Protein backbone atom coordinates (compact mmCIF):
# COMPACT_ATOMS: atom_id res chain seq x y z
CA MET A 1 0.10 0.01 -0.12
CA GLN A 2 1.60 3.23 -1.20
CA SER A 3 0.54 5.27 1.92
CA LYS A 4 2.09 2.79 4.25
CA ALA A 5 5.34 4.76 4.69
CA GLN A 6 3.16 7.96 5.44
CA ILE A 7 0.99 6.29 8.09
CA ASP A 8 3.99 4.64 9.61
CA GLN A 9 5.68 8.12 9.76
CA LEU A 10 2.63 9.85 11.29
CA LEU A 11 2.25 6.89 14.15
CA ARG A 12 5.70 6.71 14.89
CA GLN A 13 6.20 10.48 15.20
CA LYS A 14 3.00 10.74 17.43
CA SER A 15 4.34 7.89 19.78
CA GLU A 16 8.00 9.28 19.80
CA ALA A 17 6.83 12.66 20.84
CA LYS A 18 4.86 10.89 23.73
CA GLU A 19 1.53 12.68 22.04
CA VAL A 20 0.29 9.12 22.40
CA PRO A 21 1.74 6.40 24.59
CA GLY A 22 1.53 3.75 21.91
CA VAL A 23 -0.98 2.70 19.12
CA VAL A 24 -2.01 -0.13 16.99
CA ALA A 25 -3.57 0.48 13.65
CA VAL A 26 -5.12 -1.87 11.10
CA ALA A 27 -6.95 -1.48 7.95
CA ALA A 28 -8.55 -3.84 5.64
CA THR A 29 -10.82 -4.33 2.57
CA GLY A 30 -13.27 -7.31 2.71
CA LYS A 31 -10.69 -9.58 1.56
CA ASP A 32 -7.13 -8.37 2.83
CA VAL A 33 -5.52 -6.47 5.56
CA ILE A 34 -3.98 -3.59 3.61
CA TYR A 35 -2.12 -1.84 6.52
CA GLN A 36 -0.93 -2.82 10.05
CA GLY A 37 1.26 -1.09 12.17
CA ALA A 38 2.23 -0.86 15.92
CA PHE A 39 4.27 1.84 17.59
CA GLY A 40 5.53 3.33 20.86
CA LYS A 41 5.02 1.55 24.19
CA ARG A 42 2.60 -0.62 25.77
CA ASP A 43 3.07 1.16 29.09
CA LEU A 44 5.07 4.31 29.46
CA SER A 45 6.36 3.15 32.87
CA LYS A 46 7.86 -0.04 31.33
CA ASP A 47 10.11 -1.07 28.45
CA ASP A 48 7.85 -3.33 26.35
CA ALA A 49 7.41 -2.08 22.90
CA MET A 50 3.87 -2.13 21.40
CA THR A 51 3.21 -5.11 19.16
CA ALA A 52 0.52 -5.75 16.51
CA ASP A 53 -1.09 -8.45 18.90
CA SER A 54 -1.23 -6.21 21.93
CA VAL A 55 -4.41 -6.48 24.02
CA PHE A 56 -6.61 -3.44 24.74
CA TRP A 57 -9.65 -2.70 26.76
CA ILE A 58 -11.94 -1.82 23.61
CA ALA A 59 -14.79 -0.40 25.98
CA SER A 60 -17.78 0.73 23.82
CA MET A 61 -16.47 -1.12 20.72
CA THR A 62 -18.09 -4.02 22.50
CA LYS A 63 -21.52 -2.44 21.85
CA ALA A 64 -21.56 -3.27 17.97
CA VAL A 65 -20.43 -7.03 18.83
CA THR A 66 -23.12 -7.54 21.55
CA SER A 67 -25.73 -6.12 19.15
CA ALA A 68 -24.65 -8.50 16.36
CA GLY A 69 -25.04 -11.32 18.64
CA ALA A 70 -28.63 -9.98 19.54
CA MET A 71 -29.41 -9.73 15.82
CA GLN A 72 -28.52 -13.60 15.38
CA LEU A 73 -31.40 -14.20 17.98
CA VAL A 74 -33.63 -11.63 16.11
CA GLU A 75 -32.95 -13.75 12.95
CA GLN A 76 -34.21 -16.81 14.74
CA GLY A 77 -37.22 -15.32 16.18
CA LYS A 78 -35.97 -15.68 19.84
CA LEU A 79 -35.93 -11.76 20.15
CA SER A 80 -38.06 -8.99 18.73
CA LEU A 81 -36.90 -5.59 17.75
CA ASP A 82 -40.21 -3.89 18.32
CA GLU A 83 -41.95 -6.11 21.02
CA PRO A 84 -41.75 -4.53 24.73
CA ILE A 85 -38.55 -5.95 25.90
CA GLY A 86 -40.03 -6.13 29.33
CA LYS A 87 -41.30 -9.50 28.30
CA VAL A 88 -37.66 -10.70 28.12
CA LEU A 89 -36.34 -8.56 30.87
CA PRO A 90 -38.99 -7.96 33.70
CA ASP A 91 -36.66 -5.31 35.17
CA LEU A 92 -37.46 -3.28 32.22
CA ALA A 93 -41.41 -3.70 32.31
CA THR A 94 -42.14 -0.41 34.09
CA PRO A 95 -39.41 2.08 33.39
CA LYS A 96 -39.31 5.33 35.42
CA VAL A 97 -38.08 8.66 34.01
CA LEU A 98 -35.87 10.85 36.10
CA GLU A 99 -37.32 14.44 36.14
CA GLY A 100 -34.68 16.24 38.08
CA PHE A 101 -34.73 16.76 41.88
CA ASP A 102 -37.18 18.46 44.25
CA ALA A 103 -36.10 21.30 46.57
CA LYS A 104 -34.82 19.02 49.11
CA GLY A 105 -32.53 17.24 46.61
CA GLU A 106 -34.78 14.09 46.40
CA PRO A 107 -35.04 12.58 42.72
CA LYS A 108 -38.45 13.13 40.98
CA LEU A 109 -39.56 9.87 39.06
CA ARG A 110 -42.58 9.20 36.97
CA PRO A 111 -43.73 6.09 34.88
CA ALA A 112 -42.42 6.26 31.30
CA LYS A 113 -44.92 7.04 28.60
CA LYS A 114 -44.13 4.07 26.47
CA PRO A 115 -42.52 0.57 26.84
CA ILE A 116 -38.88 0.03 25.85
CA THR A 117 -37.96 -2.11 22.81
CA LEU A 118 -34.80 -3.86 21.62
CA ARG A 119 -34.55 -1.41 18.83
CA GLN A 120 -34.57 1.42 21.06
CA LEU A 121 -31.84 -0.12 23.25
CA MET A 122 -29.71 -0.71 20.21
CA THR A 123 -30.14 2.92 18.91
CA HIS A 124 -29.73 4.62 22.32
CA THR A 125 -33.34 6.09 22.29
CA ALA A 126 -34.58 3.91 25.07
CA GLY A 127 -33.87 6.63 27.52
CA PHE A 128 -30.91 5.14 29.50
CA CYS A 129 -27.73 7.39 29.72
CA TYR A 130 -24.49 7.46 30.99
CA ASP A 131 -23.60 9.48 34.19
CA LEU A 132 -20.28 10.61 32.23
CA TRP A 133 -22.39 12.81 30.04
CA ASN A 134 -25.50 13.50 32.27
CA GLY A 135 -25.12 15.47 35.32
CA ASP A 136 -28.50 14.59 36.70
CA MET A 137 -27.69 10.85 36.53
CA ALA A 138 -24.49 11.35 38.24
CA ALA A 139 -26.38 13.12 41.11
CA TYR A 140 -28.78 10.30 41.02
CA LEU A 141 -26.13 7.60 41.53
CA GLN A 142 -24.58 9.71 44.34
CA LYS A 143 -27.95 10.31 45.98
CA THR A 144 -28.76 6.53 45.94
CA GLY A 145 -25.59 5.02 46.34
CA LEU A 146 -25.84 3.00 43.04
CA PRO A 147 -22.59 1.86 41.77
CA SER A 148 -21.36 2.97 38.32
CA ILE A 149 -21.88 0.67 35.43
CA THR A 150 -18.03 -0.06 35.03
CA THR A 151 -18.25 -2.11 38.38
CA CYS A 152 -20.32 -4.85 36.64
CA GLN A 153 -22.56 -5.28 39.45
CA ASN A 154 -26.34 -5.80 38.85
CA ALA A 155 -27.11 -2.91 41.00
CA ALA A 156 -25.61 -0.57 38.40
CA LEU A 157 -28.47 -1.41 36.05
CA LYS A 158 -31.17 -0.23 38.41
CA THR A 159 -31.22 3.38 37.28
CA PRO A 160 -34.28 5.27 35.82
CA ILE A 161 -34.19 6.58 32.36
CA ALA A 162 -33.60 9.99 31.29
CA SER A 163 -36.21 10.51 28.85
CA ASP A 164 -39.37 8.71 27.41
CA PRO A 165 -38.54 5.89 25.20
CA GLY A 166 -38.17 6.93 21.45
CA THR A 167 -38.16 10.56 22.19
CA ARG A 168 -34.33 11.31 21.99
CA TRP A 169 -31.08 10.00 21.39
CA GLU A 170 -29.07 9.82 24.32
CA TYR A 171 -25.82 7.66 24.66
CA GLY A 172 -25.99 5.24 27.54
CA THR A 173 -26.16 1.92 29.21
CA ASN A 174 -28.59 0.54 26.78
CA ILE A 175 -26.47 -2.28 25.25
CA ASP A 176 -25.86 -3.66 28.65
CA PHE A 177 -29.44 -4.60 28.68
CA VAL A 178 -29.15 -6.05 25.14
CA GLY A 179 -26.50 -8.34 26.66
CA LYS A 180 -28.92 -9.30 29.26
CA ALA A 181 -31.49 -9.87 26.64
CA VAL A 182 -28.99 -12.18 24.76
CA GLU A 183 -28.49 -14.25 28.07
CA GLY A 184 -32.27 -14.23 28.73
CA VAL A 185 -33.47 -15.97 25.51
CA SER A 186 -30.10 -18.05 24.72
CA GLY A 187 -29.60 -19.47 28.18
CA LYS A 188 -25.84 -18.71 27.99
CA LYS A 189 -23.86 -16.32 29.78
CA LEU A 190 -22.85 -13.46 27.38
CA ASP A 191 -19.31 -14.37 27.39
CA ALA A 192 -20.12 -17.95 26.25
CA TYR A 193 -22.76 -16.94 23.90
CA LEU A 194 -20.44 -14.36 22.02
CA ARG A 195 -17.48 -16.78 22.12
CA ASP A 196 -19.67 -19.61 20.37
CA HIS A 197 -21.45 -17.57 17.98
CA ILE A 198 -19.11 -14.60 17.15
CA PHE A 199 -15.58 -15.09 18.16
CA ALA A 200 -14.96 -18.65 17.43
CA PRO A 201 -16.71 -18.74 13.88
CA LEU A 202 -14.70 -15.46 13.01
CA GLY A 203 -11.32 -16.63 14.40
CA MET A 204 -11.19 -13.88 17.22
CA SER A 205 -9.10 -15.83 19.73
CA ASP A 206 -7.85 -12.76 21.63
CA THR A 207 -11.31 -11.20 22.27
CA ALA A 208 -12.94 -11.92 25.72
CA PHE A 209 -14.39 -10.22 28.98
CA LYS A 210 -11.92 -12.23 31.10
CA ILE A 211 -8.29 -11.52 30.29
CA SER A 212 -6.63 -14.91 29.73
CA ASP A 213 -3.06 -15.67 30.81
CA ASN A 214 -1.87 -15.48 27.25
CA MET A 215 -3.62 -12.04 26.77
CA ARG A 216 -2.18 -10.69 29.98
CA LYS A 217 1.20 -11.05 28.50
CA ARG A 218 0.26 -8.57 25.79
CA LEU A 219 -1.83 -6.31 27.86
CA VAL A 220 -1.44 -2.52 27.28
CA GLY A 221 -1.46 -0.30 30.33
CA MET A 222 -3.89 2.59 30.68
CA HIS A 223 -2.67 6.14 30.54
CA MET A 224 -4.28 9.55 31.75
CA ARG A 225 -3.35 12.88 30.21
CA GLY A 226 -2.75 15.47 32.84
CA GLU A 227 -3.52 19.19 32.64
CA ASP A 228 -0.34 20.15 31.02
CA GLY A 229 -0.75 17.38 28.37
CA THR A 230 1.82 14.69 29.80
CA LEU A 231 0.94 11.17 29.81
CA SER A 232 1.17 8.95 32.90
CA SER A 233 0.61 5.31 33.30
CA ILE A 234 -2.35 4.66 35.63
CA PRO A 235 -3.91 1.35 37.33
CA PHE A 236 -6.76 0.18 35.38
CA GLU A 237 -8.53 -3.09 34.98
CA LEU A 238 -12.31 -4.14 34.61
CA GLU A 239 -13.60 -6.49 37.39
CA GLN A 240 -12.37 -9.91 36.15
CA ASN A 241 -15.26 -11.78 38.10
CA PRO A 242 -18.19 -9.57 37.22
CA GLU A 243 -21.73 -9.98 38.45
CA PHE A 244 -22.81 -9.55 34.71
CA HIS A 245 -20.76 -9.25 31.64
CA MET A 246 -21.06 -5.71 30.29
CA GLY A 247 -22.31 -5.97 26.81
CA GLY A 248 -21.78 -2.22 26.32
CA GLY A 249 -18.19 -1.98 27.29
CA GLY A 250 -16.42 -5.03 28.82
CA LEU A 251 -14.40 -6.55 26.02
CA TYR A 252 -10.59 -6.78 25.70
CA SER A 253 -9.43 -7.26 22.20
CA THR A 254 -6.72 -6.79 19.65
CA ALA A 255 -6.63 -4.81 16.41
CA GLY A 256 -6.37 -7.98 14.51
CA ASP A 257 -9.26 -9.49 16.02
CA TYR A 258 -11.53 -6.43 15.92
CA ILE A 259 -10.76 -5.98 12.10
CA LYS A 260 -12.14 -9.38 11.51
CA PHE A 261 -15.40 -8.35 13.00
CA CYS A 262 -15.44 -5.29 10.85
CA GLN A 263 -14.43 -7.42 7.82
CA MET A 264 -17.56 -9.48 8.58
CA ILE A 265 -19.58 -6.51 8.36
CA LEU A 266 -18.18 -5.51 5.02
CA ASN A 267 -18.64 -9.08 3.63
CA LYS A 268 -22.38 -9.00 4.60
CA GLY A 269 -22.35 -11.46 7.61
CA LYS A 270 -19.46 -13.74 6.36
CA GLY A 271 -15.85 -14.18 7.82
CA ASN A 272 -13.46 -16.77 8.27
CA GLY A 273 -15.69 -19.14 6.03
CA ASN A 274 -18.53 -18.72 8.32
CA GLN A 275 -21.94 -17.08 7.87
CA VAL A 276 -22.68 -15.50 11.20
CA LEU A 277 -25.34 -13.15 10.11
CA LYS A 278 -27.65 -12.98 7.15
CA ALA A 279 -26.75 -10.56 4.41
CA GLU A 280 -29.95 -8.81 4.84
CA THR A 281 -29.49 -8.50 8.55
CA VAL A 282 -26.16 -6.59 7.94
CA THR A 283 -27.59 -4.39 5.57
CA MET A 284 -30.56 -3.47 7.89
CA MET A 285 -28.00 -2.95 10.88
CA GLY A 286 -26.19 -0.31 8.70
CA GLN A 287 -29.49 1.73 8.00
CA ASN A 288 -30.82 4.73 10.07
CA HIS A 289 -32.90 3.35 12.81
CA ILE A 290 -33.55 6.70 14.65
CA GLY A 291 -35.88 8.28 11.97
CA ASP A 292 -35.95 12.19 12.39
CA LEU A 293 -33.92 11.91 15.59
CA THR A 294 -30.20 12.91 15.39
CA VAL A 295 -27.07 12.12 17.18
CA GLY A 296 -26.15 15.40 19.17
CA LYS A 297 -23.14 16.58 21.13
CA MET A 298 -22.15 14.67 24.43
CA THR A 299 -21.25 17.27 27.13
CA SER A 300 -18.95 15.77 29.68
CA ALA A 301 -20.22 15.51 33.24
CA ALA A 302 -16.90 13.88 34.22
CA PRO A 303 -13.89 15.46 32.64
CA ILE A 304 -11.35 13.14 34.20
CA TYR A 305 -12.93 10.33 31.97
CA THR A 306 -14.00 12.13 28.86
CA ASN A 307 -13.91 15.32 27.03
CA ASP A 308 -17.01 16.76 25.41
CA VAL A 309 -17.71 14.70 22.18
CA ASP A 310 -18.93 16.37 19.02
CA LEU A 311 -17.77 14.30 16.09
CA TYR A 312 -18.34 16.16 12.77
CA PRO A 313 -20.20 18.87 14.42
CA ASP A 314 -21.68 20.38 11.21
CA MET A 315 -22.99 17.15 9.92
CA VAL A 316 -26.49 15.26 10.59
CA LYS A 317 -25.61 12.06 12.16
CA LYS A 318 -27.87 8.84 12.52
CA TRP A 319 -27.54 5.61 14.30
CA GLY A 320 -28.06 2.05 13.21
CA LEU A 321 -27.88 -1.31 15.11
CA SER A 322 -25.58 -0.48 16.64
CA PHE A 323 -23.30 2.13 14.90
CA LEU A 324 -22.90 5.71 14.31
CA ILE A 325 -23.81 6.64 10.71
CA ASN A 326 -22.21 9.91 8.91
CA THR A 327 -24.52 11.22 6.44
CA ALA A 328 -21.95 13.14 4.50
CA LYS A 329 -18.59 12.34 3.20
CA THR A 330 -15.89 13.27 6.17
CA PRO A 331 -12.66 15.35 5.68
CA GLU A 332 -10.63 12.23 5.94
CA GLY A 333 -12.49 10.62 3.09
CA ARG A 334 -15.06 8.30 4.71
CA SER A 335 -17.99 7.83 2.52
CA ALA A 336 -21.50 8.97 3.48
CA GLY A 337 -23.29 6.05 4.99
CA SER A 338 -20.45 4.52 6.72
CA LEU A 339 -20.43 2.82 10.08
CA ALA A 340 -18.37 3.91 13.12
CA TRP A 341 -17.88 4.07 16.81
CA ALA A 342 -15.45 4.14 19.54
CA GLY A 343 -14.30 3.17 23.10
CA LEU A 344 -13.71 5.25 26.22
CA ALA A 345 -10.08 4.74 26.16
CA ASN A 346 -9.58 6.14 22.68
CA THR A 347 -9.99 3.22 20.70
CA TYR A 348 -11.91 3.82 17.34
CA PHE A 349 -13.01 2.08 14.23
CA TRP A 350 -14.91 2.68 11.13
CA ILE A 351 -16.49 0.47 8.25
CA ASP A 352 -16.98 1.95 4.84
CA PRO A 353 -19.16 -0.46 2.70
CA SER A 354 -19.18 2.06 -0.47
CA ARG A 355 -15.37 1.87 -0.62
CA ASP A 356 -15.14 -1.78 0.68
CA VAL A 357 -12.72 -0.67 3.61
CA CYS A 358 -12.57 -0.59 7.42
CA GLY A 359 -10.22 0.55 9.91
CA VAL A 360 -9.13 0.08 13.65
CA ILE A 361 -6.95 2.17 15.72
CA LEU A 362 -6.43 1.22 19.35
CA MET A 363 -4.66 3.55 22.23
CA GLN A 364 -5.17 3.49 25.91
CA VAL A 365 -5.78 7.05 27.05
CA LEU A 366 -8.12 8.86 29.32
CA PRO A 367 -9.95 11.09 29.04
CA PHE A 368 -12.06 10.01 25.91
CA ALA A 369 -12.09 11.89 22.61
CA ASP A 370 -8.65 13.22 23.49
CA ARG A 371 -7.38 15.87 20.91
CA LEU A 372 -4.06 14.18 20.04
CA CYS A 373 -5.70 10.69 19.84
CA LEU A 374 -8.27 12.03 17.37
CA GLU A 375 -5.60 13.64 15.26
CA THR A 376 -3.81 10.35 15.11
CA PHE A 377 -7.02 8.69 14.15
CA ALA A 378 -7.70 11.14 11.40
CA GLY A 379 -4.08 10.97 10.00
CA PHE A 380 -4.47 7.24 9.89
CA GLU A 381 -7.74 7.33 8.16
CA ARG A 382 -6.51 10.10 5.69
CA GLY A 383 -3.56 7.78 4.74
CA VAL A 384 -5.92 4.80 4.26
CA TYR A 385 -8.03 6.57 1.75
CA ALA A 386 -4.95 8.27 0.05
CA GLY A 387 -3.75 4.77 -0.54
CA LEU A 388 -7.13 3.73 -1.90
CA ASP A 389 -7.32 6.61 -4.18
CA ALA A 390 -3.75 6.13 -5.44
CA GLY A 391 -4.48 2.36 -6.19
CA SER A 392 -7.67 3.19 -8.06
CA GLY A 393 -5.93 5.91 -9.87
CA GLN A 394 -3.31 3.53 -11.27
CA ARG A 395 -6.13 0.91 -12.14
CA ALA A 396 -8.05 3.62 -14.08
CA ALA A 397 -4.81 4.55 -15.92
């Protein structure tokens, strides 16, 4: 790939300047890996160089995987996109909406106007939010003593919703309930279900909720960016014996494994010789499922974990099952109608069916939507499209 040297140079420079601690990036067409690179350190407090097979916490990149597992069960008629999900998850049968707090600081709750559906959970329109971007929910957790979602305790799922189902897009804990629905109808724990029906068929042997001994040898350390911009290594690990597997953010993986998932989407459900989803299901997952609603800015209520998130601020953005959809071409070259999302520690992916290309870039830095990590991602993506354009130019000539 002509632009390989250009991408290598960018990623090496960002790592050497300690703008990012270390990075692994992979790009592929439906058929072939067209770029792979690893630069910098796994952990700035140690000597280990980053390697292509390094293991990262991919956080919310878990969401698309959990949703794909749920769509298999939709295909089998075991789950329905539009029936009230309370039939499968009794805890969601009578949701309550948080309408702020009274003069004494007590939460004001009222019954939701409509039942919650699986489609709403997959599209972040069910009303669930994250306290990281919702100050009222942060106050509610503090008031009630409920644990945060990353504890993977069942009590963390006992939150009210922030708006009536179907009325607005708000990013939240929705996919954790999708994971619970998968367990409810498959009779398997989420880790076992995804292993048997997604990871094993696709050959994703380095993806799991529990870090195996083999994965731990290649585990990347977490880093936090201080006020002055310098990075330091911090202790971080998700609960390894969780009460529930966090379908919205619990997976550890490698760039090489996750690109196989992205290629499966490009190849309409097929990967590693196995058809894990029907072609029409994958097409449907890539369509807008939020109607006239739009994906808005996520304003941080927890600056140590996340910056404000406003990707492509001038563009209308939609949501599929369960992907961000850009409705216009991006400055980096991503086609309109492409699919993407990210993980809290600055891991990112995109899937562009129009150009038959996908990419994954993994870093381990908090807070999310870090400016220098986003620059690194944008430079990588631009390089991938420059290579594709050069290739098609040669072919045309």
